Amino acid sequence: MSHESKNPMVTDVFVKGAVQGWGIATSSTIPNVLMAFVLIRVLQVSGLLDILGAVCAPVMGLFGLPGEAAAVLIGGWMSMGGGVGVAVALFDAGSVSGHDLAILAPAIYLMGSQLQYMGRALGVIGTAGRMIPVLMGISILNAMIAMLIMNIIV
């Protein structure tokens, strides 16, 4: 006869958490970060990153950032892991500095993964279509405010 304990052993809880964490890392985080590295490399080789930087420079300059930093925000809007991957790839390429990353980090998380959550959460709970742009706009506004504040304090 099987008897399930009300208080599982610490080791069982740890192992179960480690297995779940490994699953998240291999099915979500690693692919997003890898995709971001590949995307940035394609943009660099094609010259599109320079064009993106030039087009976005005036707006990104308001936050004390180079124009290329817009790629981090776009990546973060689609996927937080992707945004982090884009940030690291741009840092590795020398397009953004550690100071720039400090300004961008809160924005990645304040507006992160909105594209994914729009379908996964807002549609499922029955959010009215007219409210989705408002909800997304609030997050983007919060991200912009955070970047302005970070630009002042770092």
Foldseek 3Di string as FASTA:
>chain_A
DDDDDPDDDPVVVVVVVVVVVVVCCVPPQVVLLVVLLVVVVVCVVVVVLVVQQVVQQVVVVLLVATSSLVSLLVSLLQALSNSVSNVVNCVVVVRGDPLRCQLQVVLSVLNGNLVVCVVVPCVVVPPDPVCSVVVNVVSNVVSVVSSNVSSVVD
